[in-house]
Structures are given as structure tokens and as C-alpha cells.
Amino acid sequence: MSMGLAAKIAASRKAAKAEADEKAAKEAFNNRYIAKVIIKAKKNKDRAFPSNEIESLTEIAYKVVAKNFEKYPQLEGV
């Protein structure tokens, strides 16, 4: 009976590792794609991404604070 449990745990770990590896591979692919777009744009003296396509750090910060407002009680007038 413990062998069945051990096999289930091993299978679960193997599936989790495969999922993590797949996620890492997708992220690496996305990073390479972005790098290629930027390199092509620089080569052609063009813009890689329109400015409205990528959020600014300020916009990202506003969203994070708005989503987690209860964690920022010191921000009274926001």
C-alpha cells in the first residue's frame, strides 16, 4: 500500500516538474521573440512596440496598489 502512495507522489512530482519545465520553455521562447522584435526594429531604425502596447512601470504600480490597497494604509489620499 505504501508503494502505491510512493508511486503517486513520484508521479505528482514528475508532473509538477514537467509543468514547470514547460512554463520555463514558454517564457524563454517569449523572451527570445521579444529580443528578436527589438533587434529587428533597431536594425530598421523603427520602434519595436508601440508605446500604447506596453504598460509603463507607473501604470503597473497603480494596478498593483489598487489591487492590494489594504496593504498600503499609509497612502491616504490615493
C-alpha atoms as a PDB file:
ATOM      1  CA  MET A   1       0.000   0.000   0.000  1.00  0.00           C
ATOM      2  CA  SER A   2       2.825   2.443   0.778  1.00  0.00           C
ATOM      3  CA  MET A   3       4.339   1.583  -2.608  1.00  0.00           C
ATOM      4  CA  GLY A   4       1.195   2.898  -4.287  1.00  0.00           C
ATOM      5  CA  LEU A   5       1.435   6.114  -2.307  1.00  0.00           C
ATOM      6  CA  ALA A   6       5.112   6.487  -3.152  1.00  0.00           C
ATOM      7  CA  ALA A   7       4.323   5.950  -6.833  1.00  0.00           C
ATOM      8  CA  LYS A   8       1.572   8.593  -6.685  1.00  0.00           C
ATOM      9  CA  ILE A   9       3.913  11.087  -5.021  1.00  0.00           C
ATOM     10  CA  ALA A  10       6.629  10.392  -7.595  1.00  0.00           C
ATOM     11  CA  ALA A  11       4.130  10.810 -10.447  1.00  0.00           C
ATOM     12  CA  SER A  12       2.859  14.041  -8.925  1.00  0.00           C
ATOM     13  CA  ARG A  13       6.394  15.419  -8.593  1.00  0.00           C
ATOM     14  CA  LYS A  14       7.198  14.355 -12.137  1.00  0.00           C
ATOM     15  CA  ALA A  15       4.065  16.109 -13.457  1.00  0.00           C
ATOM     16  CA  ALA A  16       4.876  19.264 -11.478  1.00  0.00           C
ATOM     17  CA  LYS A  17       8.434  19.269 -12.839  1.00  0.00           C
ATOM     18  CA  ALA A  18       7.183  18.781 -16.391  1.00  0.00           C
ATOM     19  CA  GLU A  19       4.743  21.658 -15.930  1.00  0.00           C
ATOM     20  CA  ALA A  20       7.489  23.917 -14.534  1.00  0.00           C
ATOM     21  CA  ASP A  21       9.823  22.950 -17.400  1.00  0.00           C
ATOM     22  CA  GLU A  22       7.103  23.730 -19.940  1.00  0.00           C
ATOM     23  CA  LYS A  23       6.453  27.112 -18.333  1.00  0.00           C
ATOM     24  CA  ALA A  24      10.170  27.928 -18.364  1.00  0.00           C
ATOM     25  CA  ALA A  25      10.424  26.920 -22.030  1.00  0.00           C
ATOM     26  CA  LYS A  26       7.460  29.151 -22.938  1.00  0.00           C
ATOM     27  CA  GLU A  27       8.982  32.067 -21.025  1.00  0.00           C
ATOM     28  CA  ALA A  28      12.326  31.580 -22.758  1.00  0.00           C
ATOM     29  CA  PHE A  29      10.554  31.473 -26.142  1.00  0.00           C
ATOM     30  CA  ASN A  30       8.659  34.679 -25.337  1.00  0.00           C
ATOM     31  CA  ASN A  31      11.866  36.392 -24.228  1.00  0.00           C
ATOM     32  CA  ARG A  32      13.631  35.356 -27.444  1.00  0.00           C
ATOM     33  CA  TYR A  33      10.681  36.607 -29.507  1.00  0.00           C
ATOM     34  CA  ILE A  34      10.733  40.000 -27.779  1.00  0.00           C
ATOM     35  CA  ALA A  35      14.506  40.241 -28.220  1.00  0.00           C
ATOM     36  CA  LYS A  36      14.199  39.450 -31.949  1.00  0.00           C
ATOM     37  CA  VAL A  37      11.493  42.096 -32.417  1.00  0.00           C
ATOM     38  CA  ILE A  38      13.641  44.703 -30.647  1.00  0.00           C
ATOM     39  CA  ILE A  39      16.749  43.790 -32.669  1.00  0.00           C
ATOM     40  CA  LYS A  40      14.842  43.951 -35.980  1.00  0.00           C
ATOM     41  CA  ALA A  41      13.346  47.315 -35.051  1.00  0.00           C
ATOM     42  CA  LYS A  42      16.747  48.751 -34.107  1.00  0.00           C
ATOM     43  CA  LYS A  43      18.221  47.442 -37.344  1.00  0.00           C
ATOM     44  CA  ASN A  44      15.437  49.130 -39.341  1.00  0.00           C
ATOM     45  CA  LYS A  45      15.577  52.244 -37.131  1.00  0.00           C
ATOM     46  CA  ASP A  46      11.959  51.659 -36.185  1.00  0.00           C
ATOM     47  CA  ARG A  47      10.004  51.235 -32.950  1.00  0.00           C
ATOM     48  CA  ALA A  48       9.808  47.686 -31.657  1.00  0.00           C
ATOM     49  CA  PHE A  49       6.499  48.110 -29.865  1.00  0.00           C
ATOM     50  CA  PRO A  50       4.049  50.999 -29.969  1.00  0.00           C
ATOM     51  CA  SER A  51       4.073  52.831 -26.652  1.00  0.00           C
ATOM     52  CA  ASN A  52       0.384  52.019 -26.059  1.00  0.00           C
ATOM     53  CA  GLU A  53       1.151  48.295 -26.367  1.00  0.00           C
ATOM     54  CA  ILE A  54       3.372  48.032 -23.285  1.00  0.00           C
ATOM     55  CA  GLU A  55       2.336  49.287 -19.863  1.00  0.00           C
ATOM     56  CA  SER A  56       4.616  51.755 -18.173  1.00  0.00           C
ATOM     57  CA  LEU A  57       6.035  50.955 -14.751  1.00  0.00           C
ATOM     58  CA  THR A  58       3.791  53.669 -13.318  1.00  0.00           C
ATOM     59  CA  GLU A  59       0.673  52.005 -14.763  1.00  0.00           C
ATOM     60  CA  ILE A  60       1.773  48.632 -13.417  1.00  0.00           C
ATOM     61  CA  ALA A  61       2.430  50.164  -9.971  1.00  0.00           C
ATOM     62  CA  TYR A  62      -1.030  51.795  -9.927  1.00  0.00           C
ATOM     63  CA  LYS A  63      -2.661  48.457 -10.713  1.00  0.00           C
ATOM     64  CA  VAL A  64      -0.680  46.629  -8.023  1.00  0.00           C
ATOM     65  CA  VAL A  65      -1.540  49.244  -5.392  1.00  0.00           C
ATOM     66  CA  ALA A  66      -5.208  49.306  -6.433  1.00  0.00           C
ATOM     67  CA  LYS A  67      -5.413  45.513  -6.311  1.00  0.00           C
ATOM     68  CA  ASN A  68      -3.740  45.370  -2.866  1.00  0.00           C
ATOM     69  CA  PHE A  69      -4.899  48.689  -1.423  1.00  0.00           C
ATOM     70  CA  GLU A  70      -5.463  47.254   2.054  1.00  0.00           C
ATOM     71  CA  LYS A  71      -1.710  46.545   2.250  1.00  0.00           C
ATOM     72  CA  TYR A  72      -0.896  50.254   1.820  1.00  0.00           C
ATOM     73  CA  PRO A  73      -2.679  52.102   4.669  1.00  0.00           C
ATOM     74  CA  GLN A  74      -0.078  54.876   4.593  1.00  0.00           C
ATOM     75  CA  LEU A  75      -1.390  56.016   1.178  1.00  0.00           C
ATOM     76  CA  GLU A  76      -4.300  58.084   2.496  1.00  0.00           C
ATOM     77  CA  GLY A  77      -5.249  60.274  -0.444  1.00  0.00           C
ATOM     78  CA  VAL A  78      -4.814  57.825  -3.285  1.00  0.00           C
END
